[in-house]
């Protein structure tokens, strides 16, 4: 169950969401909302109020004179109650 969540997503936009108790995680492409909610509960011992899953598109990149592709995937937005916090991020 814990292999559903790859890692927390840390960006400027996500840090603004964390003030409103919304945490963002990269998840495996086969994950669904209930699996993500169960994985959050087993890892952090908090029960999510709501989970949204979004697809991340592939991006064309050009670095050091070479073209490449940043692989896409899925990310999950996890909404918590006001009194709940995830401090390990």
PDB file of N, CA and C in Angstrom:
ATOM      1  N   UNK A   1       0.815  -1.201   0.000  1.00  0.00           N
ATOM      2  CA  UNK A   1       0.000   0.000   0.000  1.00  0.00           C
ATOM      3  C   UNK A   1       0.855   1.261   0.000  1.00  0.00           C
ATOM      4  N   UNK A   2       2.015   1.202   0.638  1.00  0.00           N
ATOM      5  CA  UNK A   2       2.848   2.397   0.721  1.00  0.00           C
ATOM      6  C   UNK A   2       3.622   2.663  -0.563  1.00  0.00           C
ATOM      7  N   UNK A   3       3.651   1.700  -1.490  1.00  0.00           N
ATOM      8  CA  UNK A   3       4.353   1.938  -2.753  1.00  0.00           C
ATOM      9  C   UNK A   3       3.486   2.699  -3.754  1.00  0.00           C
ATOM     10  N   UNK A   4       2.291   3.113  -3.364  1.00  0.00           N
ATOM     11  CA  UNK A   4       1.416   3.928  -4.205  1.00  0.00           C
ATOM     12  C   UNK A   4       1.984   5.342  -4.322  1.00  0.00           C
ATOM     13  N   UNK A   5       2.482   5.866  -3.206  1.00  0.00           N
ATOM     14  CA  UNK A   5       3.005   7.234  -3.172  1.00  0.00           C
ATOM     15  C   UNK A   5       4.498   7.201  -3.441  1.00  0.00           C
ATOM     16  N   UNK A   6       4.926   7.923  -4.474  1.00  0.00           N
ATOM     17  CA  UNK A   6       6.355   7.966  -4.805  1.00  0.00           C
ATOM     18  C   UNK A   6       7.090   8.934  -3.879  1.00  0.00           C
ATOM     19  N   UNK A   7       6.670  10.191  -3.876  1.00  0.00           N
ATOM     20  CA  UNK A   7       7.315  11.214  -3.062  1.00  0.00           C
ATOM     21  C   UNK A   7       6.416  12.447  -2.973  1.00  0.00           C
ATOM     22  N   UNK A   8       6.654  13.306  -1.966  1.00  0.00           N
ATOM     23  CA  UNK A   8       5.906  14.562  -1.924  1.00  0.00           C
ATOM     24  C   UNK A   8       6.391  15.496  -3.022  1.00  0.00           C
ATOM     25  N   UNK A   9       5.485  16.280  -3.545  1.00  0.00           N
ATOM     26  CA  UNK A   9       5.812  17.234  -4.605  1.00  0.00           C
ATOM     27  C   UNK A   9       6.058  18.581  -3.951  1.00  0.00           C
ATOM     28  N   UNK A  10       7.247  19.139  -4.113  1.00  0.00           N
ATOM     29  CA  UNK A  10       7.610  20.386  -3.450  1.00  0.00           C
ATOM     30  C   UNK A  10       7.875  21.451  -4.506  1.00  0.00           C
ATOM     31  N   UNK A  11       6.929  22.376  -4.638  1.00  0.00           N
ATOM     32  CA  UNK A  11       7.067  23.516  -5.536  1.00  0.00           C
ATOM     33  C   UNK A  11       6.541  24.750  -4.813  1.00  0.00           C
ATOM     34  N   UNK A  12       6.691  25.897  -5.439  1.00  0.00           N
ATOM     35  CA  UNK A  12       6.200  27.135  -4.840  1.00  0.00           C
ATOM     36  C   UNK A  12       4.674  27.125  -4.756  1.00  0.00           C
ATOM     37  N   UNK A  13       4.042  26.632  -5.783  1.00  0.00           N
ATOM     38  CA  UNK A  13       2.580  26.564  -5.801  1.00  0.00           C
ATOM     39  C   UNK A  13       2.064  25.619  -4.714  1.00  0.00           C
ATOM     40  N   UNK A  14       2.741  24.502  -4.533  1.00  0.00           N
ATOM     41  CA  UNK A  14       2.340  23.521  -3.521  1.00  0.00           C
ATOM     42  C   UNK A  14       2.530  24.088  -2.121  1.00  0.00           C
ATOM     43  N   UNK A  15       3.597  24.857  -1.901  1.00  0.00           N
ATOM     44  CA  UNK A  15       3.816  25.420  -0.565  1.00  0.00           C
ATOM     45  C   UNK A  15       2.720  26.416  -0.200  1.00  0.00           C
ATOM     46  N   UNK A  16       2.151  27.105  -1.174  1.00  0.00           N
ATOM     47  CA  UNK A  16       1.013  27.981  -0.899  1.00  0.00           C
ATOM     48  C   UNK A  16      -0.227  27.161  -0.549  1.00  0.00           C
ATOM     49  N   UNK A  17      -0.398  26.010  -1.183  1.00  0.00           N
ATOM     50  CA  UNK A  17      -1.532  25.145  -0.878  1.00  0.00           C
ATOM     51  C   UNK A  17      -1.406  24.509   0.504  1.00  0.00           C
ATOM     52  N   UNK A  18      -0.180  24.265   0.959  1.00  0.00           N
ATOM     53  CA  UNK A  18       0.034  23.626   2.253  1.00  0.00           C
ATOM     54  C   UNK A  18      -0.487  24.500   3.399  1.00  0.00           C
ATOM     55  N   UNK A  19      -0.545  25.808   3.195  1.00  0.00           N
ATOM     56  CA  UNK A  19      -1.093  26.698   4.211  1.00  0.00           C
ATOM     57  C   UNK A  19      -2.589  26.455   4.398  1.00  0.00           C
ATOM     58  N   UNK A  20      -3.230  25.904   3.355  1.00  0.00           N
ATOM     59  CA  UNK A  20      -4.665  25.607   3.421  1.00  0.00           C
ATOM     60  C   UNK A  20      -4.925  24.110   3.611  1.00  0.00           C
ATOM     61  N   UNK A  21      -3.928  23.383   4.135  1.00  0.00           N
ATOM     62  CA  UNK A  21      -4.016  21.943   4.420  1.00  0.00           C
ATOM     63  C   UNK A  21      -4.283  21.098   3.177  1.00  0.00           C
ATOM     64  N   UNK A  22      -3.650  21.457   2.070  1.00  0.00           N
ATOM     65  CA  UNK A  22      -3.705  20.649   0.855  1.00  0.00           C
ATOM     66  C   UNK A  22      -2.273  20.221   0.552  1.00  0.00           C
ATOM     67  N   UNK A  23      -2.034  18.910   0.523  1.00  0.00           N
ATOM     68  CA  UNK A  23      -0.699  18.378   0.290  1.00  0.00           C
ATOM     69  C   UNK A  23      -0.691  17.657  -1.051  1.00  0.00           C
ATOM     70  N   UNK A  24       0.430  17.726  -1.756  1.00  0.00           N
ATOM     71  CA  UNK A  24       0.534  17.156  -3.093  1.00  0.00           C
ATOM     72  C   UNK A  24       1.624  16.089  -3.121  1.00  0.00           C
ATOM     73  N   UNK A  25       1.310  14.960  -3.754  1.00  0.00           N
ATOM     74  CA  UNK A  25       2.230  13.834  -3.838  1.00  0.00           C
ATOM     75  C   UNK A  25       2.276  13.320  -5.270  1.00  0.00           C
ATOM     76  N   UNK A  26       3.445  12.849  -5.697  1.00  0.00           N
ATOM     77  CA  UNK A  26       3.547  12.098  -6.945  1.00  0.00           C
ATOM     78  C   UNK A  26       3.122  10.674  -6.644  1.00  0.00           C
ATOM     79  N   UNK A  27       2.267  10.113  -7.499  1.00  0.00           N
ATOM     80  CA  UNK A  27       1.772   8.752  -7.281  1.00  0.00           C
ATOM     81  C   UNK A  27       1.998   7.924  -8.542  1.00  0.00           C
ATOM     82  N   UNK A  28       1.905   6.610  -8.405  1.00  0.00           N
ATOM     83  CA  UNK A  28       2.060   5.727  -9.559  1.00  0.00           C
ATOM     84  C   UNK A  28       0.871   5.920 -10.500  1.00  0.00           C
ATOM     85  N   UNK A  29       1.064   5.615 -11.765  1.00  0.00           N
ATOM     86  CA  UNK A  29       0.035   5.894 -12.765  1.00  0.00           C
ATOM     87  C   UNK A  29      -1.194   5.005 -12.630  1.00  0.00           C
ATOM     88  N   UNK A  30      -1.074   3.892 -11.925  1.00  0.00           N
ATOM     89  CA  UNK A  30      -2.216   2.996 -11.764  1.00  0.00           C
ATOM     90  C   UNK A  30      -3.029   3.292 -10.502  1.00  0.00           C
ATOM     91  N   UNK A  31      -2.649   4.322  -9.747  1.00  0.00           N
ATOM     92  CA  UNK A  31      -3.303   4.607  -8.468  1.00  0.00           C
ATOM     93  C   UNK A  31      -4.668   5.255  -8.666  1.00  0.00           C
ATOM     94  N   UNK A  32      -5.600   4.956  -7.736  1.00  0.00           N
ATOM     95  CA  UNK A  32      -6.882   5.644  -7.726  1.00  0.00           C
ATOM     96  C   UNK A  32      -7.049   6.357  -6.380  1.00  0.00           C
ATOM     97  N   UNK A  33      -8.171   7.063  -6.212  1.00  0.00           N
ATOM     98  CA  UNK A  33      -8.370   7.904  -5.034  1.00  0.00           C
ATOM     99  C   UNK A  33      -8.403   7.117  -3.729  1.00  0.00           C
ATOM    100  N   UNK A  34      -9.075   5.986  -3.728  1.00  0.00           N
ATOM    101  CA  UNK A  34      -9.170   5.215  -2.488  1.00  0.00           C
ATOM    102  C   UNK A  34      -7.823   4.630  -2.086  1.00  0.00           C
ATOM    103  N   UNK A  35      -7.035   4.199  -3.061  1.00  0.00           N
ATOM    104  CA  UNK A  35      -5.703   3.675  -2.758  1.00  0.00           C
ATOM    105  C   UNK A  35      -4.804   4.765  -2.187  1.00  0.00           C
ATOM    106  N   UNK A  36      -4.899   5.975  -2.737  1.00  0.00           N
ATOM    107  CA  UNK A  36      -4.088   7.086  -2.240  1.00  0.00           C
ATOM    108  C   UNK A  36      -4.505   7.445  -0.822  1.00  0.00           C
ATOM    109  N   UNK A  37      -5.816   7.477  -0.550  1.00  0.00           N
ATOM    110  CA  UNK A  37      -6.297   7.808   0.793  1.00  0.00           C
ATOM    111  C   UNK A  37      -5.817   6.781   1.812  1.00  0.00           C
ATOM    112  N   UNK A  38      -5.855   5.498   1.469  1.00  0.00           N
ATOM    113  CA  UNK A  38      -5.381   4.455   2.378  1.00  0.00           C
ATOM    114  C   UNK A  38      -3.879   4.561   2.607  1.00  0.00           C
ATOM    115  N   UNK A  39      -3.125   4.882   1.555  1.00  0.00           N
ATOM    116  CA  UNK A  39      -1.675   5.013   1.685  1.00  0.00           C
ATOM    117  C   UNK A  39      -1.302   6.208   2.559  1.00  0.00           C
ATOM    118  N   UNK A  40      -2.022   7.312   2.445  1.00  0.00           N
ATOM    119  CA  UNK A  40      -1.778   8.479   3.296  1.00  0.00           C
ATOM    120  C   UNK A  40      -2.058   8.131   4.753  1.00  0.00           C
ATOM    121  N   UNK A  41      -3.124   7.377   4.985  1.00  0.00           N
ATOM    122  CA  UNK A  41      -3.455   6.995   6.357  1.00  0.00           C
ATOM    123  C   UNK A  41      -2.386   6.082   6.956  1.00  0.00           C
ATOM    124  N   UNK A  42      -1.879   5.129   6.179  1.00  0.00           N
ATOM    125  CA  UNK A  42      -0.867   4.221   6.720  1.00  0.00           C
ATOM    126  C   UNK A  42       0.478   4.918   6.924  1.00  0.00           C
ATOM    127  N   UNK A  43       0.817   5.858   6.060  1.00  0.00           N
ATOM    128  CA  UNK A  43       2.115   6.539   6.188  1.00  0.00           C
ATOM    129  C   UNK A  43       2.116   7.625   7.256  1.00  0.00           C
ATOM    130  N   UNK A  44       1.079   8.482   7.242  1.00  0.00           N
ATOM    131  CA  UNK A  44       1.091   9.684   8.080  1.00  0.00           C
ATOM    132  C   UNK A  44       0.058   9.668   9.208  1.00  0.00           C
ATOM    133  N   UNK A  45      -0.779   8.653   9.297  1.00  0.00           N
ATOM    134  CA  UNK A  45      -1.788   8.509  10.350  1.00  0.00           C
ATOM    135  C   UNK A  45      -2.783   9.666  10.389  1.00  0.00           C
ATOM    136  N   UNK A  46      -3.128  10.219   9.230  1.00  0.00           N
ATOM    137  CA  UNK A  46      -4.186  11.224   9.117  1.00  0.00           C
ATOM    138  C   UNK A  46      -5.157  10.764   8.041  1.00  0.00           C
ATOM    139  N   UNK A  47      -6.430  11.050   8.257  1.00  0.00           N
ATOM    140  CA  UNK A  47      -7.456  10.632   7.302  1.00  0.00           C
ATOM    141  C   UNK A  47      -7.805  11.804   6.390  1.00  0.00           C
ATOM    142  N   UNK A  48      -7.619  11.663   5.081  1.00  0.00           N
ATOM    143  CA  UNK A  48      -7.939  12.748   4.149  1.00  0.00           C
ATOM    144  C   UNK A  48      -9.444  12.987   4.049  1.00  0.00           C
ATOM    145  N   UNK A  49      -9.816  14.246   3.896  1.00  0.00           N
ATOM    146  CA  UNK A  49     -11.207  14.610   3.663  1.00  0.00           C
ATOM    147  C   UNK A  49     -11.565  14.357   2.206  1.00  0.00           C
ATOM    148  N   UNK A  50     -10.621  14.693   1.310  1.00  0.00           N
ATOM    149  CA  UNK A  50     -10.864  14.581  -0.125  1.00  0.00           C
ATOM    150  C   UNK A  50      -9.540  14.327  -0.829  1.00  0.00           C
ATOM    151  N   UNK A  51      -9.582  13.603  -1.949  1.00  0.00           N
ATOM    152  CA  UNK A  51      -8.395  13.345  -2.762  1.00  0.00           C
ATOM    153  C   UNK A  51      -8.742  13.630  -4.222  1.00  0.00           C
ATOM    154  N   UNK A  52      -7.933  14.459  -4.865  1.00  0.00           N
ATOM    155  CA  UNK A  52      -8.063  14.695  -6.303  1.00  0.00           C
ATOM    156  C   UNK A  52      -6.819  14.141  -6.984  1.00  0.00           C
ATOM    157  N   UNK A  53      -7.007  13.510  -8.143  1.00  0.00           N
ATOM    158  CA  UNK A  53      -5.875  12.976  -8.902  1.00  0.00           C
ATOM    159  C   UNK A  53      -5.833  13.665 -10.254  1.00  0.00           C
ATOM    160  N   UNK A  54      -4.642  14.139 -10.630  1.00  0.00           N
ATOM    161  CA  UNK A  54      -4.447  14.851 -11.892  1.00  0.00           C
ATOM    162  C   UNK A  54      -3.345  14.184 -12.697  1.00  0.00           C
ATOM    163  N   UNK A  55      -3.497  14.200 -14.012  1.00  0.00           N
ATOM    164  CA  UNK A  55      -2.441  13.697 -14.878  1.00  0.00           C
ATOM    165  C   UNK A  55      -1.418  14.801 -15.123  1.00  0.00           C
ATOM    166  N   UNK A  56      -0.146  14.415 -15.169  1.00  0.00           N
ATOM    167  CA  UNK A  56       0.940  15.335 -15.490  1.00  0.00           C
ATOM    168  C   UNK A  56       1.412  14.977 -16.892  1.00  0.00           C
ATOM    169  N   UNK A  57       1.347  15.938 -17.807  1.00  0.00           N
ATOM    170  CA  UNK A  57       1.700  15.671 -19.204  1.00  0.00           C
ATOM    171  C   UNK A  57       3.213  15.591 -19.393  1.00  0.00           C
ATOM    172  N   UNK A  58       3.621  14.887 -20.446  1.00  0.00           N
ATOM    173  CA  UNK A  58       5.028  14.872 -20.827  1.00  0.00           C
ATOM    174  C   UNK A  58       5.402  16.236 -21.386  1.00  0.00           C
ATOM    175  N   UNK A  59       6.669  16.645 -21.184  1.00  0.00           N
ATOM    176  CA  UNK A  59       7.126  17.936 -21.673  1.00  0.00           C
ATOM    177  C   UNK A  59       8.375  17.752 -22.524  1.00  0.00           C
ATOM    178  N   UNK A  60       8.425  18.460 -23.626  1.00  0.00           N
ATOM    179  CA  UNK A  60       9.624  18.494 -24.454  1.00  0.00           C
ATOM    180  C   UNK A  60      10.620  19.452 -23.814  1.00  0.00           C
ATOM    181  N   UNK A  61      11.865  19.007 -23.636  1.00  0.00           N
ATOM    182  CA  UNK A  61      12.892  19.846 -23.036  1.00  0.00           C
ATOM    183  C   UNK A  61      14.105  19.903 -23.960  1.00  0.00           C
ATOM    184  N   UNK A  62      14.879  20.962 -23.827  1.00  0.00           N
ATOM    185  CA  UNK A  62      16.098  21.149 -24.598  1.00  0.00           C
ATOM    186  C   UNK A  62      17.180  21.542 -23.605  1.00  0.00           C
ATOM    187  N   UNK A  63      18.152  20.622 -23.398  1.00  0.00           N
ATOM    188  CA  UNK A  63      19.160  20.860 -22.377  1.00  0.00           C
ATOM    189  C   UNK A  63      20.522  20.433 -22.884  1.00  0.00           C
ATOM    190  N   UNK A  64      21.499  21.320 -22.739  1.00  0.00           N
ATOM    191  CA  UNK A  64      22.881  21.055 -23.151  1.00  0.00           C
ATOM    192  C   UNK A  64      22.969  20.629 -24.604  1.00  0.00           C
ATOM    193  N   UNK A  65      22.176  21.270 -25.442  1.00  0.00           N
ATOM    194  CA  UNK A  65      22.226  21.008 -26.875  1.00  0.00           C
ATOM    195  C   UNK A  65      21.506  19.763 -27.330  1.00  0.00           C
ATOM    196  N   UNK A  66      20.796  19.109 -26.440  1.00  0.00           N
ATOM    197  CA  UNK A  66      20.086  17.890 -26.807  1.00  0.00           C
ATOM    198  C   UNK A  66      18.607  18.024 -26.471  1.00  0.00           C
ATOM    199  N   UNK A  67      17.801  17.416 -27.312  1.00  0.00           N
ATOM    200  CA  UNK A  67      16.373  17.391 -27.046  1.00  0.00           C
ATOM    201  C   UNK A  67      16.043  16.168 -26.211  1.00  0.00           C
ATOM    202  N   UNK A  68      15.005  16.306 -25.405  1.00  0.00           N
ATOM    203  CA  UNK A  68      14.583  15.184 -24.590  1.00  0.00           C
ATOM    204  C   UNK A  68      13.137  15.336 -24.184  1.00  0.00           C
ATOM    205  N   UNK A  69      12.682  14.400 -23.363  1.00  0.00           N
ATOM    206  CA  UNK A  69      11.302  14.411 -22.892  1.00  0.00           C
ATOM    207  C   UNK A  69      11.304  14.188 -21.390  1.00  0.00           C
ATOM    208  N   UNK A  70      10.585  15.067 -20.661  1.00  0.00           N
ATOM    209  CA  UNK A  70      10.345  14.819 -19.245  1.00  0.00           C
ATOM    210  C   UNK A  70       9.117  13.938 -19.155  1.00  0.00           C
ATOM    211  N   UNK A  71       9.263  12.826 -18.504  1.00  0.00           N
ATOM    212  CA  UNK A  71       8.180  11.868 -18.438  1.00  0.00           C
ATOM    213  C   UNK A  71       7.029  12.409 -17.592  1.00  0.00           C
ATOM    214  N   UNK A  72       5.826  12.143 -17.992  1.00  0.00           N
ATOM    215  CA  UNK A  72       4.638  12.569 -17.250  1.00  0.00           C
ATOM    216  C   UNK A  72       4.329  11.603 -16.125  1.00  0.00           C
ATOM    217  N   UNK A  73       3.099  11.626 -15.659  1.00  0.00           N
ATOM    218  CA  UNK A  73       2.689  10.734 -14.582  1.00  0.00           C
ATOM    219  C   UNK A  73       1.391  11.200 -13.973  1.00  0.00           C
ATOM    220  N   UNK A  74       1.257  10.990 -12.669  1.00  0.00           N
ATOM    221  CA  UNK A  74       0.079  11.418 -11.930  1.00  0.00           C
ATOM    222  C   UNK A  74       0.503  12.099 -10.648  1.00  0.00           C
ATOM    223  N   UNK A  75      -0.319  13.056 -10.211  1.00  0.00           N
ATOM    224  CA  UNK A  75      -0.122  13.661  -8.901  1.00  0.00           C
ATOM    225  C   UNK A  75      -1.452  13.652  -8.163  1.00  0.00           C
ATOM    226  N   UNK A  76      -1.373  13.611  -6.848  1.00  0.00           N
ATOM    227  CA  UNK A  76      -2.573  13.558  -6.019  1.00  0.00           C
ATOM    228  C   UNK A  76      -2.584  14.757  -5.081  1.00  0.00           C
ATOM    229  N   UNK A  77      -3.716  15.461  -5.046  1.00  0.00           N
ATOM    230  CA  UNK A  77      -3.939  16.533  -4.092  1.00  0.00           C
ATOM    231  C   UNK A  77      -4.740  15.954  -2.935  1.00  0.00           C
ATOM    232  N   UNK A  78      -4.179  16.029  -1.728  1.00  0.00           N
ATOM    233  CA  UNK A  78      -4.800  15.433  -0.551  1.00  0.00           C
ATOM    234  C   UNK A  78      -5.249  16.561   0.372  1.00  0.00           C
ATOM    235  N   UNK A  79      -6.553  16.636   0.625  1.00  0.00           N
ATOM    236  CA  UNK A  79      -7.145  17.654   1.479  1.00  0.00           C
ATOM    237  C   UNK A  79      -7.330  17.084   2.881  1.00  0.00           C
ATOM    238  N   UNK A  80      -6.865  17.840   3.889  1.00  0.00           N
ATOM    239  CA  UNK A  80      -6.985  17.403   5.285  1.00  0.00           C
ATOM    240  C   UNK A  80      -7.857  18.371   6.076  1.00  0.00           C
ATOM    241  N   UNK A  81      -8.294  17.935   7.264  1.00  0.00           N
ATOM    242  CA  UNK A  81      -9.036  18.810   8.170  1.00  0.00           C
ATOM    243  C   UNK A  81      -8.107  19.911   8.687  1.00  0.00           C
ATOM    244  N   UNK A  82      -8.695  20.963   9.230  1.00  0.00           N
ATOM    245  CA  UNK A  82      -7.895  22.091   9.718  1.00  0.00           C
ATOM    246  C   UNK A  82      -6.934  21.683  10.828  1.00  0.00           C
ATOM    247  N   UNK A  83      -7.364  20.762  11.692  1.00  0.00           N
ATOM    248  CA  UNK A  83      -6.512  20.390  12.823  1.00  0.00           C
ATOM    249  C   UNK A  83      -5.445  19.361  12.455  1.00  0.00           C
ATOM    250  N   UNK A  84      -5.559  18.718  11.294  1.00  0.00           N
ATOM    251  CA  UNK A  84      -4.568  17.716  10.866  1.00  0.00           C
ATOM    252  C   UNK A  84      -3.411  18.373  10.122  1.00  0.00           C
ATOM    253  N   UNK A  85      -2.227  17.845  10.330  1.00  0.00           N
ATOM    254  CA  UNK A  85      -1.023  18.326   9.644  1.00  0.00           C
ATOM    255  C   UNK A  85      -0.156  17.141   9.277  1.00  0.00           C
ATOM    256  N   UNK A  86       0.626  17.294   8.210  1.00  0.00           N
ATOM    257  CA  UNK A  86       1.668  16.333   7.859  1.00  0.00           C
ATOM    258  C   UNK A  86       2.977  17.076   8.032  1.00  0.00           C
ATOM    259  N   UNK A  87       3.763  16.693   9.016  1.00  0.00           N
ATOM    260  CA  UNK A  87       4.965  17.453   9.349  1.00  0.00           C
ATOM    261  C   UNK A  87       6.223  16.906   8.690  1.00  0.00           C
ATOM    262  N   UNK A  88       6.185  15.706   8.131  1.00  0.00           N
ATOM    263  CA  UNK A  88       7.395  15.096   7.569  1.00  0.00           C
ATOM    264  C   UNK A  88       7.782  15.666   6.216  1.00  0.00           C
ATOM    265  N   UNK A  89       6.948  16.512   5.622  1.00  0.00           N
ATOM    266  CA  UNK A  89       7.231  17.032   4.280  1.00  0.00           C
ATOM    267  C   UNK A  89       8.129  18.246   4.387  1.00  0.00           C
TER     268      UNK A  89
END
